[in-house]
């Protein structure tokens, strides 16, 4: 099985590294990071780069496509080579997936028309404008599409996929291997559970653009 993880400047690292850690450990699986151009692709914090050796055209028919999100997503919404590649890959892929605002890129490419999908809570309302059906869930499966909510939800999505691809026992073994047993010190991980003052602090630290 070949998994293609799409990168672009300004990606959020955990969006793609979380699924990579899970799906990359499935038996008989090859993970390839792809981008429009080879070379170093820097993340949204500017302190981590991934050296891409495969162009999109080098991986025309992956079994699984993963598109992460991040601030750089805004520059990937216009139709072009990435969207063309996504539409082509989607025709034969077993799974087309996204994490966080990566679903906006999929939706803008036209592959989520009429499909239920999720994204980061701050961008959920934007999905409808691209033909998708916004769904306030952490992981959404609709046909051969799997979308995850914000950032850390990519791990949940990848484990869900691992179970569907290789069986629940394999997925649980991978969960144990990476010791994914979240016990966060705060109950502020969703828009619904975060106290109002925490939401205010978030927007003060990271003002909406």
Protein backbone atom coordinates (compact mmCIF):
# COMPACT_ATOMS: atom_id res chain seq x y z
CA UNK A 1 0.00 0.00 0.00
CA UNK A 2 1.29 3.46 -0.89
CA UNK A 3 0.37 6.46 1.24
CA UNK A 4 0.98 9.93 -0.22
CA UNK A 5 1.15 12.81 2.27
CA UNK A 6 0.85 16.20 0.62
CA UNK A 7 3.02 19.04 1.92
CA UNK A 8 3.08 22.74 1.09
CA UNK A 9 4.74 25.77 2.72
CA UNK A 10 3.08 26.67 6.01
CA UNK A 11 1.79 23.21 6.89
CA UNK A 12 1.14 22.30 10.53
CA UNK A 13 3.53 19.52 11.51
CA UNK A 14 1.28 17.36 13.70
CA UNK A 15 -1.43 17.34 11.02
CA UNK A 16 0.78 15.11 8.89
CA UNK A 17 3.28 13.61 11.34
CA UNK A 18 0.51 12.13 13.52
CA UNK A 19 -0.98 10.09 10.64
CA UNK A 20 2.53 9.29 9.40
CA UNK A 21 3.44 7.70 12.74
CA UNK A 22 0.36 5.49 12.59
CA UNK A 23 -0.11 4.57 8.93
CA UNK A 24 3.62 4.37 8.24
CA UNK A 25 3.81 1.42 10.64
CA UNK A 26 1.16 -0.66 8.88
CA UNK A 27 2.56 -3.84 7.32
CA UNK A 28 3.55 -3.61 3.65
CA UNK A 29 3.06 0.15 3.58
CA UNK A 30 5.20 2.82 1.93
CA UNK A 31 4.73 6.47 2.87
CA UNK A 32 5.81 9.17 0.44
CA UNK A 33 5.79 12.90 1.17
CA UNK A 34 4.87 14.74 -2.03
CA UNK A 35 4.77 18.37 -3.07
CA UNK A 36 4.53 20.44 -6.22
CA UNK A 37 8.30 20.94 -6.19
CA UNK A 38 11.09 18.93 -4.57
CA UNK A 39 13.24 20.43 -1.84
CA UNK A 40 12.74 21.66 1.69
CA UNK A 41 9.17 22.53 2.67
CA UNK A 42 8.95 24.59 5.85
CA UNK A 43 6.17 24.33 8.41
CA UNK A 44 3.99 27.11 9.80
CA UNK A 45 6.34 27.86 12.71
CA UNK A 46 9.27 28.18 10.34
CA UNK A 47 11.48 25.94 12.46
CA UNK A 48 10.91 22.53 10.86
CA UNK A 49 11.43 21.50 7.25
CA UNK A 50 10.77 18.28 5.40
CA UNK A 51 12.99 17.42 2.43
CA UNK A 52 10.65 16.42 -0.38
CA UNK A 53 12.09 14.20 -3.10
CA UNK A 54 8.84 13.24 -4.88
CA UNK A 55 6.82 15.57 -7.06
CA UNK A 56 3.07 15.14 -7.24
CA UNK A 57 3.46 13.72 -10.75
CA UNK A 58 5.85 11.07 -9.42
CA UNK A 59 3.04 9.52 -7.36
CA UNK A 60 -0.02 9.46 -9.65
CA UNK A 61 -2.01 6.65 -8.05
CA UNK A 62 -1.51 6.33 -4.27
CA UNK A 63 -3.79 4.05 -2.29
CA UNK A 64 -4.20 6.66 0.45
CA UNK A 65 -3.99 10.44 0.11
CA UNK A 66 -3.49 12.65 3.18
CA UNK A 67 -3.76 16.44 3.06
CA UNK A 68 -2.93 18.30 6.26
CA UNK A 69 -3.84 21.83 7.18
CA UNK A 70 -2.09 24.91 8.49
CA UNK A 71 -1.88 28.62 7.69
CA UNK A 72 -0.39 27.77 4.30
CA UNK A 73 -3.69 26.17 3.30
CA UNK A 74 -5.00 29.58 2.22
CA UNK A 75 -2.47 29.66 -0.63
CA UNK A 76 -3.60 26.21 -1.85
CA UNK A 77 -7.24 27.01 -2.56
CA UNK A 78 -6.94 28.18 -6.18
CA UNK A 79 -7.37 25.56 -8.87
CA UNK A 80 -4.04 24.38 -10.20
CA UNK A 81 -1.64 21.47 -10.30
CA UNK A 82 -2.36 20.35 -6.71
CA UNK A 83 -6.12 20.32 -7.29
CA UNK A 84 -5.67 18.50 -10.58
CA UNK A 85 -3.51 15.89 -8.88
CA UNK A 86 -6.03 15.46 -6.05
CA UNK A 87 -8.89 14.91 -8.50
CA UNK A 88 -6.86 12.38 -10.47
CA UNK A 89 -5.56 10.52 -7.42
CA UNK A 90 -9.03 10.47 -5.87
CA UNK A 91 -10.43 8.47 -8.80
CA UNK A 92 -8.36 5.41 -7.91
CA UNK A 93 -7.46 5.95 -4.24
CA UNK A 94 -8.91 3.61 -1.66
CA UNK A 95 -8.96 6.51 0.81
CA UNK A 96 -8.80 10.27 0.31
CA UNK A 97 -8.25 11.95 3.66
CA UNK A 98 -7.50 15.22 5.38
CA UNK A 99 -6.62 16.66 8.75
CA UNK A 100 -7.68 20.09 10.02
CA UNK A 101 -8.05 22.65 7.21
CA UNK A 102 -6.72 20.17 4.70
CA UNK A 103 -10.39 19.34 4.07
CA UNK A 104 -10.87 22.85 2.70
CA UNK A 105 -8.27 22.06 0.05
CA UNK A 106 -10.05 18.82 -0.83
CA UNK A 107 -13.38 20.63 -0.95
CA UNK A 108 -11.96 23.41 -3.13
CA UNK A 109 -10.66 20.74 -5.51
CA UNK A 110 -14.24 19.48 -5.81
CA UNK A 111 -13.81 16.01 -4.37
CA UNK A 112 -16.01 16.55 -1.31
CA UNK A 113 -19.12 17.74 -3.14
CA UNK A 114 -22.16 16.51 -1.24
CA UNK A 115 -19.96 14.68 1.28
CA UNK A 116 -20.05 15.04 5.05
CA UNK A 117 -16.74 16.41 6.28
CA UNK A 118 -15.08 18.09 9.22
CA UNK A 119 -12.18 20.44 9.85
CA UNK A 120 -10.80 22.66 12.61
CA UNK A 121 -13.67 24.22 14.56
CA UNK A 122 -12.59 27.69 13.50
CA UNK A 123 -13.02 26.84 9.81
CA UNK A 124 -15.99 24.47 9.90
CA UNK A 125 -18.47 26.94 8.44
CA UNK A 126 -16.28 27.43 5.35
CA UNK A 127 -16.79 23.86 4.11
CA UNK A 128 -20.33 24.53 2.93
CA UNK A 129 -19.11 27.20 0.54
CA UNK A 130 -17.18 24.53 -1.35
CA UNK A 131 -20.01 22.02 -1.61
CA UNK A 132 -19.25 19.84 1.43
CA UNK A 133 -21.60 19.22 4.36
CA UNK A 134 -19.98 20.52 7.58
CA UNK A 135 -20.14 17.95 10.36
CA UNK A 136 -19.12 18.71 13.92
CA UNK A 137 -17.38 15.42 14.67
CA UNK A 138 -13.77 14.56 15.42
CA UNK A 139 -13.50 12.04 12.58
CA UNK A 140 -15.95 11.75 9.69
CA UNK A 141 -16.12 8.82 7.27
CA UNK A 142 -18.25 9.29 4.14
CA UNK A 143 -17.67 6.81 1.35
CA UNK A 144 -13.92 6.58 0.77
CA UNK A 145 -13.34 9.98 2.35
CA UNK A 146 -12.02 10.39 5.89
CA UNK A 147 -11.68 13.86 7.37
CA UNK A 148 -10.39 14.82 10.80
CA UNK A 149 -11.00 17.91 12.91
CA UNK A 150 -8.12 20.05 14.17
CA UNK A 151 -4.48 18.93 14.33
CA UNK A 152 -4.42 16.18 17.00
CA UNK A 153 -7.55 14.59 15.49
CA UNK A 154 -5.33 13.31 12.70
CA UNK A 155 -4.10 10.57 15.02
CA UNK A 156 -7.68 9.46 15.66
CA UNK A 157 -8.39 9.49 11.94
CA UNK A 158 -5.27 7.45 11.18
CA UNK A 159 -6.13 4.85 13.81
CA UNK A 160 -9.67 4.66 12.40
CA UNK A 161 -8.23 4.09 8.93
CA UNK A 162 -5.77 1.52 10.24
CA UNK A 163 -8.67 -0.45 11.67
CA UNK A 164 -10.62 -0.28 8.42
CA UNK A 165 -7.57 -1.25 6.35
CA UNK A 166 -5.86 -3.87 8.49
CA UNK A 167 -8.35 -4.78 11.21
CA UNK A 168 -9.11 -3.58 14.71
CA UNK A 169 -6.45 -5.79 16.27
CA UNK A 170 -3.71 -4.23 14.15
CA UNK A 171 -4.98 -0.71 14.81
CA UNK A 172 -5.05 -1.35 18.55
CA UNK A 173 -1.53 -2.78 18.40
CA UNK A 174 -0.37 0.43 16.71
CA UNK A 175 -2.17 2.50 19.32
CA UNK A 176 -0.32 0.58 22.00
CA UNK A 177 2.98 0.93 20.17
CA UNK A 178 2.75 4.72 20.06
CA UNK A 179 1.19 4.75 23.55
CA UNK A 180 -1.70 6.89 22.44
CA UNK A 181 -3.68 7.21 25.66
CA UNK A 182 -4.43 10.93 26.01
CA UNK A 183 -4.84 12.34 29.51
CA UNK A 184 -4.68 16.10 28.92
CA UNK A 185 -4.15 18.27 32.00
CA UNK A 186 -6.95 20.62 30.90
CA UNK A 187 -10.47 20.20 29.59
CA UNK A 188 -10.10 22.88 26.94
CA UNK A 189 -9.49 20.82 23.82
CA UNK A 190 -12.68 21.72 21.98
CA UNK A 191 -14.67 24.87 21.34
CA UNK A 192 -17.56 23.42 23.32
CA UNK A 193 -15.53 22.54 26.41
CA UNK A 194 -13.13 25.49 26.57
CA UNK A 195 -14.09 28.20 29.09
CA UNK A 196 -14.93 31.60 27.64
CA UNK A 197 -11.79 33.19 29.08
CA UNK A 198 -9.67 30.54 27.34
CA UNK A 199 -11.31 31.33 24.01
CA UNK A 200 -10.61 35.03 24.60
CA UNK A 201 -6.98 34.22 25.44
CA UNK A 202 -6.63 32.18 22.26
CA UNK A 203 -7.82 35.03 20.08
CA UNK A 204 -5.60 37.46 21.95
CA UNK A 205 -2.56 35.29 21.34
CA UNK A 206 -3.50 34.37 17.77
CA UNK A 207 -5.79 37.06 16.30
CA UNK A 208 -7.94 35.87 13.39
CA UNK A 209 -6.67 37.12 10.05
